[in-house]
PDB file of N, CA and C in Angstrom:
ATOM      1  N   MET A   1      42.426  29.261 170.050  1.00  0.00           N
ATOM      2  CA  MET A   1      43.672  28.524 170.056  1.00  0.00           C
ATOM      3  C   MET A   1      44.485  28.962 168.838  1.00  0.00           C
ATOM      4  N   THR A   2      45.743  29.231 169.047  1.00  0.00           N
ATOM      5  CA  THR A   2      46.614  29.666 167.960  1.00  0.00           C
ATOM      6  C   THR A   2      47.365  28.483 167.365  1.00  0.00           C
ATOM      7  N   LYS A   3      48.030  28.753 166.239  1.00  0.00           N
ATOM      8  CA  LYS A   3      48.810  27.696 165.594  1.00  0.00           C
ATOM      9  C   LYS A   3      49.930  27.222 166.520  1.00  0.00           C
ATOM     10  N   ALA A   4      50.554  28.138 167.246  1.00  0.00           N
ATOM     11  CA  ALA A   4      51.628  27.774 168.177  1.00  0.00           C
ATOM     12  C   ALA A   4      51.106  26.855 169.281  1.00  0.00           C
ATOM     13  N   GLU A   5      49.904  27.112 169.769  1.00  0.00           N
ATOM     14  CA  GLU A   5      49.321  26.261 170.801  1.00  0.00           C
ATOM     15  C   GLU A   5      48.994  24.877 170.256  1.00  0.00           C
ATOM     16  N   ILE A   6      48.547  24.816 169.015  1.00  0.00           N
ATOM     17  CA  ILE A   6      48.281  23.518 168.379  1.00  0.00           C
ATOM     18  C   ILE A   6      49.581  22.745 168.237  1.00  0.00           C
ATOM     19  N   VAL A   7      50.641  23.416 167.806  1.00  0.00           N
ATOM     20  CA  VAL A   7      51.944  22.766 167.665  1.00  0.00           C
ATOM     21  C   VAL A   7      52.398  22.216 169.008  1.00  0.00           C
ATOM     22  N   ASN A   8      52.252  22.989 170.088  1.00  0.00           N
ATOM     23  CA  ASN A   8      52.646  22.528 171.425  1.00  0.00           C
ATOM     24  C   ASN A   8      51.855  21.295 171.854  1.00  0.00           C
ATOM     25  N   GLU A   9      50.543  21.309 171.639  1.00  0.00           N
ATOM     26  CA  GLU A   9      49.708  20.174 172.046  1.00  0.00           C
ATOM     27  C   GLU A   9      50.037  18.910 171.255  1.00  0.00           C
ATOM     28  N   VAL A  10      50.204  19.048 169.948  1.00  0.00           N
ATOM     29  CA  VAL A  10      50.527  17.882 169.121  1.00  0.00           C
ATOM     30  C   VAL A  10      51.906  17.349 169.492  1.00  0.00           C
ATOM     31  N   SER A  11      52.839  18.245 169.756  1.00  0.00           N
ATOM     32  CA  SER A  11      54.184  17.832 170.146  1.00  0.00           C
ATOM     33  C   SER A  11      54.158  17.048 171.457  1.00  0.00           C
ATOM     34  N   LYS A  12      53.399  17.537 172.431  1.00  0.00           N
ATOM     35  CA  LYS A  12      53.290  16.834 173.717  1.00  0.00           C
ATOM     36  C   LYS A  12      52.594  15.485 173.563  1.00  0.00           C
ATOM     37  N   ALA A  13      51.541  15.431 172.743  1.00  0.00           N
ATOM     38  CA  ALA A  13      50.763  14.200 172.587  1.00  0.00           C
ATOM     39  C   ALA A  13      51.523  13.119 171.827  1.00  0.00           C
ATOM     40  N   THR A  14      52.373  13.527 170.881  1.00  0.00           N
ATOM     41  CA  THR A  14      53.055  12.551 170.038  1.00  0.00           C
ATOM     42  C   THR A  14      54.516  12.336 170.387  1.00  0.00           C
ATOM     43  N   GLY A  15      55.118  13.283 171.090  1.00  0.00           N
ATOM     44  CA  GLY A  15      56.539  13.173 171.410  1.00  0.00           C
ATOM     45  C   GLY A  15      57.432  13.593 170.256  1.00  0.00           C
ATOM     46  N   ILE A  16      56.871  14.186 169.237  1.00  0.00           N
ATOM     47  CA  ILE A  16      57.637  14.658 168.082  1.00  0.00           C
ATOM     48  C   ILE A  16      58.080  16.095 168.362  1.00  0.00           C
ATOM     49  N   GLU A  17      59.254  16.451 167.849  1.00  0.00           N
ATOM     50  CA  GLU A  17      59.786  17.799 168.069  1.00  0.00           C
ATOM     51  C   GLU A  17      58.849  18.859 167.496  1.00  0.00           C
ATOM     52  N   LYS A  18      58.839  20.017 168.148  1.00  0.00           N
ATOM     53  CA  LYS A  18      57.959  21.104 167.725  1.00  0.00           C
ATOM     54  C   LYS A  18      58.242  21.568 166.306  1.00  0.00           C
ATOM     55  N   ILE A  19      59.495  21.589 165.907  1.00  0.00           N
ATOM     56  CA  ILE A  19      59.855  22.040 164.560  1.00  0.00           C
ATOM     57  C   ILE A  19      59.255  21.111 163.508  1.00  0.00           C
ATOM     58  N   ALA A  20      59.311  19.811 163.761  1.00  0.00           N
ATOM     59  CA  ALA A  20      58.747  18.837 162.824  1.00  0.00           C
ATOM     60  C   ALA A  20      57.225  18.966 162.769  1.00  0.00           C
ATOM     61  N   VAL A  21      56.598  19.136 163.928  1.00  0.00           N
ATOM     62  CA  VAL A  21      55.145  19.279 163.974  1.00  0.00           C
ATOM     63  C   VAL A  21      54.724  20.543 163.236  1.00  0.00           C
ATOM     64  N   GLN A  22      55.456  21.634 163.441  1.00  0.00           N
ATOM     65  CA  GLN A  22      55.122  22.888 162.775  1.00  0.00           C
ATOM     66  C   GLN A  22      55.219  22.755 161.261  1.00  0.00           C
ATOM     67  N   SER A  23      56.243  22.070 160.767  1.00  0.00           N
ATOM     68  CA  SER A  23      56.379  21.900 159.315  1.00  0.00           C
ATOM     69  C   SER A  23      55.253  21.033 158.755  1.00  0.00           C
ATOM     70  N   VAL A  24      54.810  20.036 159.508  1.00  0.00           N
ATOM     71  CA  VAL A  24      53.697  19.189 159.063  1.00  0.00           C
ATOM     72  C   VAL A  24      52.405  20.004 159.013  1.00  0.00           C
ATOM     73  N   ILE A  25      52.160  20.814 160.030  1.00  0.00           N
ATOM     74  CA  ILE A  25      50.947  21.644 160.062  1.00  0.00           C
ATOM     75  C   ILE A  25      50.964  22.658 158.923  1.00  0.00           C
ATOM     76  N   GLU A  26      52.119  23.268 158.672  1.00  0.00           N
ATOM     77  CA  GLU A  26      52.247  24.221 157.559  1.00  0.00           C
ATOM     78  C   GLU A  26      51.977  23.520 156.223  1.00  0.00           C
ATOM     79  N   ALA A  27      52.525  22.313 156.055  1.00  0.00           N
ATOM     80  CA  ALA A  27      52.315  21.563 154.819  1.00  0.00           C
ATOM     81  C   ALA A  27      50.845  21.186 154.656  1.00  0.00           C
ATOM     82  N   PHE A  28      50.183  20.819 155.751  1.00  0.00           N
ATOM     83  CA  PHE A  28      48.756  20.502 155.710  1.00  0.00           C
ATOM     84  C   PHE A  28      47.959  21.713 155.249  1.00  0.00           C
ATOM     85  N   MET A  29      48.224  22.868 155.851  1.00  0.00           N
ATOM     86  CA  MET A  29      47.487  24.073 155.487  1.00  0.00           C
ATOM     87  C   MET A  29      47.751  24.463 154.035  1.00  0.00           C
ATOM     88  N   ASP A  30      48.986  24.322 153.574  1.00  0.00           N
ATOM     89  CA  ASP A  30      49.298  24.616 152.172  1.00  0.00           C
ATOM     90  C   ASP A  30      48.555  23.670 151.231  1.00  0.00           C
ATOM     91  N   SER A  31      48.456  22.403 151.616  1.00  0.00           N
ATOM     92  CA  SER A  31      47.735  21.421 150.798  1.00  0.00           C
ATOM     93  C   SER A  31      46.256  21.758 150.705  1.00  0.00           C
ATOM     94  N   VAL A  32      45.656  22.136 151.834  1.00  0.00           N
ATOM     95  CA  VAL A  32      44.233  22.496 151.843  1.00  0.00           C
ATOM     96  C   VAL A  32      44.006  23.740 150.985  1.00  0.00           C
ATOM     97  N   LYS A  33      44.840  24.773 151.172  1.00  0.00           N
ATOM     98  CA  LYS A  33      44.694  26.005 150.389  1.00  0.00           C
ATOM     99  C   LYS A  33      44.889  25.740 148.905  1.00  0.00           C
ATOM    100  N   GLY A  34      45.877  24.930 148.556  1.00  0.00           N
ATOM    101  CA  GLY A  34      46.138  24.614 147.154  1.00  0.00           C
ATOM    102  C   GLY A  34      44.988  23.859 146.510  1.00  0.00           C
ATOM    103  N   SER A  35      44.436  22.911 147.241  1.00  0.00           N
ATOM    104  CA  SER A  35      43.312  22.132 146.723  1.00  0.00           C
ATOM    105  C   SER A  35      42.091  23.023 146.509  1.00  0.00           C
ATOM    106  N   LEU A  36      41.792  23.890 147.475  1.00  0.00           N
ATOM    107  CA  LEU A  36      40.645  24.785 147.343  1.00  0.00           C
ATOM    108  C   LEU A  36      40.860  25.794 146.223  1.00  0.00           C
ATOM    109  N   ALA A  37      42.092  26.250 146.042  1.00  0.00           N
ATOM    110  CA  ALA A  37      42.388  27.201 144.963  1.00  0.00           C
ATOM    111  C   ALA A  37      42.132  26.569 143.597  1.00  0.00           C
ATOM    112  N   LYS A  38      42.321  25.259 143.498  1.00  0.00           N
ATOM    113  CA  LYS A  38      42.063  24.544 142.247  1.00  0.00           C
ATOM    114  C   LYS A  38      40.585  24.183 142.092  1.00  0.00           C
ATOM    115  N   GLY A  39      39.786  24.450 143.135  1.00  0.00           N
ATOM    116  CA  GLY A  39      38.358  24.148 143.076  1.00  0.00           C
ATOM    117  C   GLY A  39      37.997  22.775 143.603  1.00  0.00           C
ATOM    118  N   ASN A  40      38.933  22.105 144.252  1.00  0.00           N
ATOM    119  CA  ASN A  40      38.689  20.764 144.785  1.00  0.00           C
ATOM    120  C   ASN A  40      38.446  20.821 146.292  1.00  0.00           C
ATOM    121  N   PRO A  41      37.332  20.268 146.775  1.00  0.00           N
ATOM    122  CA  PRO A  41      37.091  20.251 148.223  1.00  0.00           C
ATOM    123  C   PRO A  41      38.009  19.249 148.926  1.00  0.00           C
ATOM    124  N   VAL A  42      38.180  19.420 150.234  1.00  0.00           N
ATOM    125  CA  VAL A  42      38.991  18.523 151.046  1.00  0.00           C
ATOM    126  C   VAL A  42      38.073  17.898 152.089  1.00  0.00           C
ATOM    127  N   TYR A  43      37.979  16.560 152.093  1.00  0.00           N
ATOM    128  CA  TYR A  43      37.106  15.841 153.020  1.00  0.00           C
ATOM    129  C   TYR A  43      37.957  15.127 154.068  1.00  0.00           C
ATOM    130  N   LEU A  44      37.692  15.410 155.341  1.00  0.00           N
ATOM    131  CA  LEU A  44      38.373  14.732 156.444  1.00  0.00           C
ATOM    132  C   LEU A  44      37.312  14.017 157.264  1.00  0.00           C
ATOM    133  N   ARG A  45      37.214  12.712 157.073  1.00  0.00           N
ATOM    134  CA  ARG A  45      36.174  11.914 157.719  1.00  0.00           C
ATOM    135  C   ARG A  45      36.237  12.054 159.234  1.00  0.00           C
ATOM    136  N   GLY A  46      35.094  12.322 159.844  1.00  0.00           N
ATOM    137  CA  GLY A  46      35.005  12.476 161.287  1.00  0.00           C
ATOM    138  C   GLY A  46      35.338  13.876 161.774  1.00  0.00           C
ATOM    139  N   PHE A  47      35.837  14.737 160.885  1.00  0.00           N
ATOM    140  CA  PHE A  47      36.188  16.106 161.262  1.00  0.00           C
ATOM    141  C   PHE A  47      35.344  17.118 160.504  1.00  0.00           C
ATOM    142  N   GLY A  48      35.403  17.067 159.177  1.00  0.00           N
ATOM    143  CA  GLY A  48      34.611  17.993 158.379  1.00  0.00           C
ATOM    144  C   GLY A  48      35.163  18.146 156.980  1.00  0.00           C
ATOM    145  N   SER A  49      34.606  19.098 156.256  1.00  0.00           N
ATOM    146  CA  SER A  49      34.993  19.331 154.864  1.00  0.00           C
ATOM    147  C   SER A  49      35.325  20.797 154.646  1.00  0.00           C
ATOM    148  N   PHE A  50      36.407  21.030 153.936  1.00  0.00           N
ATOM    149  CA  PHE A  50      36.752  22.368 153.476  1.00  0.00           C
ATOM    150  C   PHE A  50      36.212  22.453 152.055  1.00  0.00           C
ATOM    151  N   ILE A  51      35.283  23.376 151.826  1.00  0.00           N
ATOM    152  CA  ILE A  51      34.609  23.459 150.535  1.00  0.00           C
ATOM    153  C   ILE A  51      34.656  24.879 149.999  1.00  0.00           C
ATOM    154  N   ILE A  52      34.266  25.028 148.739  1.00  0.00           N
ATOM    155  CA  ILE A  52      34.146  26.335 148.107  1.00  0.00           C
ATOM    156  C   ILE A  52      32.659  26.650 147.989  1.00  0.00           C
ATOM    157  N   LYS A  53      32.250  27.808 148.498  1.00  0.00           N
ATOM    158  CA  LYS A  53      30.861  28.245 148.370  1.00  0.00           C
ATOM    159  C   LYS A  53      30.805  29.369 147.342  1.00  0.00           C
ATOM    160  N   HIS A  54      29.786  29.328 146.501  1.00  0.00           N
ATOM    161  CA  HIS A  54      29.603  30.355 145.484  1.00  0.00           C
ATOM    162  C   HIS A  54      28.628  31.410 146.003  1.00  0.00           C
ATOM    163  N   ARG A  55      29.023  32.648 145.914  1.00  0.00           N
ATOM    164  CA  ARG A  55      28.160  33.763 146.299  1.00  0.00           C
ATOM    165  C   ARG A  55      27.683  34.447 145.025  1.00  0.00           C
ATOM    166  N   ALA A  56      26.385  34.626 144.890  1.00  0.00           N
ATOM    167  CA  ALA A  56      25.804  35.256 143.708  1.00  0.00           C
ATOM    168  C   ALA A  56      26.051  36.764 143.736  1.00  0.00           C
ATOM    169  N   GLU A  57      25.901  37.378 142.580  1.00  0.00           N
ATOM    170  CA  GLU A  57      26.031  38.828 142.490  1.00  0.00           C
ATOM    171  C   GLU A  57      24.923  39.488 143.311  1.00  0.00           C
ATOM    172  N   LYS A  58      25.260  40.586 143.986  1.00  0.00           N
ATOM    173  CA  LYS A  58      24.241  41.268 144.777  1.00  0.00           C
ATOM    174  C   LYS A  58      24.493  42.772 144.780  1.00  0.00           C
ATOM    175  N   THR A  59      23.463  43.499 145.146  1.00  0.00           N
ATOM    176  CA  THR A  59      23.547  44.947 145.235  1.00  0.00           C
ATOM    177  C   THR A  59      23.682  45.330 146.703  1.00  0.00           C
ATOM    178  N   ALA A  60      24.671  46.184 146.998  1.00  0.00           N
ATOM    179  CA  ALA A  60      24.898  46.630 148.365  1.00  0.00           C
ATOM    180  C   ALA A  60      24.760  48.145 148.431  1.00  0.00           C
ATOM    181  N   ARG A  61      24.486  48.649 149.625  1.00  0.00           N
ATOM    182  CA  ARG A  61      24.338  50.093 149.806  1.00  0.00           C
ATOM    183  C   ARG A  61      25.410  50.618 150.725  1.00  0.00           C
ATOM    184  N   ASN A  62      25.961  51.767 150.356  1.00  0.00           N
ATOM    185  CA  ASN A  62      26.866  52.497 151.222  1.00  0.00           C
ATOM    186  C   ASN A  62      26.024  53.588 151.880  1.00  0.00           C
ATOM    187  N   ILE A  63      25.689  53.386 153.133  1.00  0.00           N
ATOM    188  CA  ILE A  63      24.753  54.278 153.813  1.00  0.00           C
ATOM    189  C   ILE A  63      25.339  55.679 153.992  1.00  0.00           C
ATOM    190  N   THR A  64      26.629  55.782 154.262  1.00  0.00           N
ATOM    191  CA  THR A  64      27.227  57.097 154.515  1.00  0.00           C
ATOM    192  C   THR A  64      27.229  57.979 153.268  1.00  0.00           C
ATOM    193  N   GLN A  65      27.372  57.371 152.097  1.00  0.00           N
ATOM    194  CA  GLN A  65      27.401  58.157 150.860  1.00  0.00           C
ATOM    195  C   GLN A  65      26.094  58.058 150.074  1.00  0.00           C
ATOM    196  N   SER A  66      25.141  57.308 150.563  1.00  0.00           N
ATOM    197  CA  SER A  66      23.848  57.089 149.896  1.00  0.00           C
ATOM    198  C   SER A  66      24.017  56.614 148.456  1.00  0.00           C
ATOM    199  N   THR A  67      24.906  55.663 148.264  1.00  0.00           N
ATOM    200  CA  THR A  67      25.123  55.107 146.932  1.00  0.00           C
ATOM    201  C   THR A  67      24.913  53.600 146.981  1.00  0.00           C
ATOM    202  N   THR A  68      24.675  53.030 145.822  1.00  0.00           N
ATOM    203  CA  THR A  68      24.577  51.577 145.714  1.00  0.00           C
ATOM    204  C   THR A  68      25.707  51.093 144.827  1.00  0.00           C
ATOM    205  N   MET A  69      26.125  49.868 145.085  1.00  0.00           N
ATOM    206  CA  MET A  69      27.173  49.262 144.264  1.00  0.00           C
ATOM    207  C   MET A  69      26.845  47.797 144.062  1.00  0.00           C
ATOM    208  N   THR A  70      27.379  47.262 143.002  1.00  0.00           N
ATOM    209  CA  THR A  70      27.157  45.862 142.702  1.00  0.00           C
ATOM    210  C   THR A  70      28.390  45.069 143.120  1.00  0.00           C
ATOM    211  N   ILE A  71      28.165  44.058 143.932  1.00  0.00           N
ATOM    212  CA  ILE A  71      29.240  43.151 144.333  1.00  0.00           C
ATOM    213  C   ILE A  71      29.161  41.961 143.392  1.00  0.00           C
ATOM    214  N   PRO A  72      30.220  41.711 142.619  1.00  0.00           N
ATOM    215  CA  PRO A  72      30.162  40.622 141.643  1.00  0.00           C
ATOM    216  C   PRO A  72      30.091  39.243 142.308  1.00  0.00           C
ATOM    217  N   ALA A  73      29.663  38.259 141.552  1.00  0.00           N
ATOM    218  CA  ALA A  73      29.633  36.880 142.039  1.00  0.00           C
ATOM    219  C   ALA A  73      31.057  36.440 142.344  1.00  0.00           C
ATOM    220  N   HIS A  74      31.218  35.658 143.402  1.00  0.00           N
ATOM    221  CA  HIS A  74      32.557  35.208 143.778  1.00  0.00           C
ATOM    222  C   HIS A  74      32.470  33.916 144.591  1.00  0.00           C
ATOM    223  N   ASP A  75      33.592  33.263 144.726  1.00  0.00           N
ATOM    224  CA  ASP A  75      33.694  32.034 145.511  1.00  0.00           C
ATOM    225  C   ASP A  75      34.455  32.329 146.794  1.00  0.00           C
ATOM    226  N   ILE A  76      34.053  31.672 147.891  1.00  0.00           N
ATOM    227  CA  ILE A  76      34.744  31.825 149.163  1.00  0.00           C
ATOM    228  C   ILE A  76      34.982  30.443 149.774  1.00  0.00           C
ATOM    229  N   PRO A  77      36.074  30.291 150.527  1.00  0.00           N
ATOM    230  CA  PRO A  77      36.300  29.020 151.214  1.00  0.00           C
ATOM    231  C   PRO A  77      35.381  28.920 152.433  1.00  0.00           C
ATOM    232  N   ALA A  78      34.970  27.708 152.762  1.00  0.00           N
ATOM    233  CA  ALA A  78      34.104  27.483 153.911  1.00  0.00           C
ATOM    234  C   ALA A  78      34.448  26.134 154.536  1.00  0.00           C
ATOM    235  N   PHE A  79      34.039  25.973 155.781  1.00  0.00           N
ATOM    236  CA  PHE A  79      34.239  24.710 156.491  1.00  0.00           C
ATOM    237  C   PHE A  79      32.892  24.185 156.941  1.00  0.00           C
ATOM    238  N   LYS A  80      32.634  22.926 156.657  1.00  0.00           N
ATOM    239  CA  LYS A  80      31.401  22.278 157.087  1.00  0.00           C
ATOM    240  C   LYS A  80      31.791  21.128 158.019  1.00  0.00           C
ATOM    241  N   PRO A  81      31.489  21.249 159.325  1.00  0.00           N
ATOM    242  CA  PRO A  81      31.887  20.194 160.262  1.00  0.00           C
ATOM    243  C   PRO A  81      31.076  18.914 160.068  1.00  0.00           C
ATOM    244  N   ALA A  82      31.707  17.792 160.382  1.00  0.00           N
ATOM    245  CA  ALA A  82      31.031  16.493 160.320  1.00  0.00           C
ATOM    246  C   ALA A  82      30.038  16.380 161.471  1.00  0.00           C
ATOM    247  N   LYS A  83      29.038  15.530 161.311  1.00  0.00           N
ATOM    248  CA  LYS A  83      28.013  15.353 162.345  1.00  0.00           C
ATOM    249  C   LYS A  83      28.623  14.909 163.676  1.00  0.00           C
ATOM    250  N   VAL A  84      29.611  14.024 163.617  1.00  0.00           N
ATOM    251  CA  VAL A  84      30.276  13.545 164.831  1.00  0.00           C
ATOM    252  C   VAL A  84      30.923  14.714 165.566  1.00  0.00           C
ATOM    253  N   PHE A  85      31.570  15.591 164.803  1.00  0.00           N
ATOM    254  CA  PHE A  85      32.228  16.762 165.361  1.00  0.00           C
ATOM    255  C   PHE A  85      31.205  17.707 165.994  1.00  0.00           C
ATOM    256  N   VAL A  86      30.119  17.949 165.302  1.00  0.00           N
ATOM    257  CA  VAL A  86      29.058  18.827 165.810  1.00  0.00           C
ATOM    258  C   VAL A  86      28.477  18.276 167.100  1.00  0.00           C
ATOM    259  N   ASN A  87      28.237  16.974 167.139  1.00  0.00           N
ATOM    260  CA  ASN A  87      27.670  16.348 168.339  1.00  0.00           C
ATOM    261  C   ASN A  87      28.607  16.432 169.538  1.00  0.00           C
ATOM    262  N   GLU A  88      29.917  16.342 169.313  1.00  0.00           N
ATOM    263  CA  GLU A  88      30.883  16.458 170.401  1.00  0.00           C
ATOM    264  C   GLU A  88      30.889  17.876 170.959  1.00  0.00           C
ATOM    265  N   VAL A  89      30.773  18.870 170.090  1.00  0.00           N
ATOM    266  CA  VAL A  89      30.799  20.259 170.525  1.00  0.00           C
ATOM    267  C   VAL A  89      29.522  20.618 171.267  1.00  0.00           C
ATOM    268  N   LYS A  90      28.387  20.024 170.869  1.00  0.00           N
ATOM    269  CA  LYS A  90      27.106  20.323 171.505  1.00  0.00           C
ATOM    270  C   LYS A  90      27.043  19.876 172.953  1.00  0.00           C
ATOM    271  N   LYS A  91      27.802  18.875 173.341  1.00  0.00           N
ATOM    272  CA  LYS A  91      27.720  18.315 174.693  1.00  0.00           C
ATOM    273  C   LYS A  91      28.187  19.281 175.733  1.00  0.00           C
TER     274      LYS A  91
END
């Protein structure tokens, strides 16, 4: 599902204009990205959590050149779904 399809569905379900729905969705995504960039997780009860996961330093191999390189430790954004959400998807 694309962002445009989400905007269409929310617009139909709520009766709000597509332009207004799109601006709300954009603002939501900016808020989530901004919070994660500051290192703060975002918790949405019944849906899930947007969190930061820490990846440790590791050694990787480039098979084509037969070389090894070190990938430094870094943080990545991740999503952890709520149990209610997981149970709905499992059905």
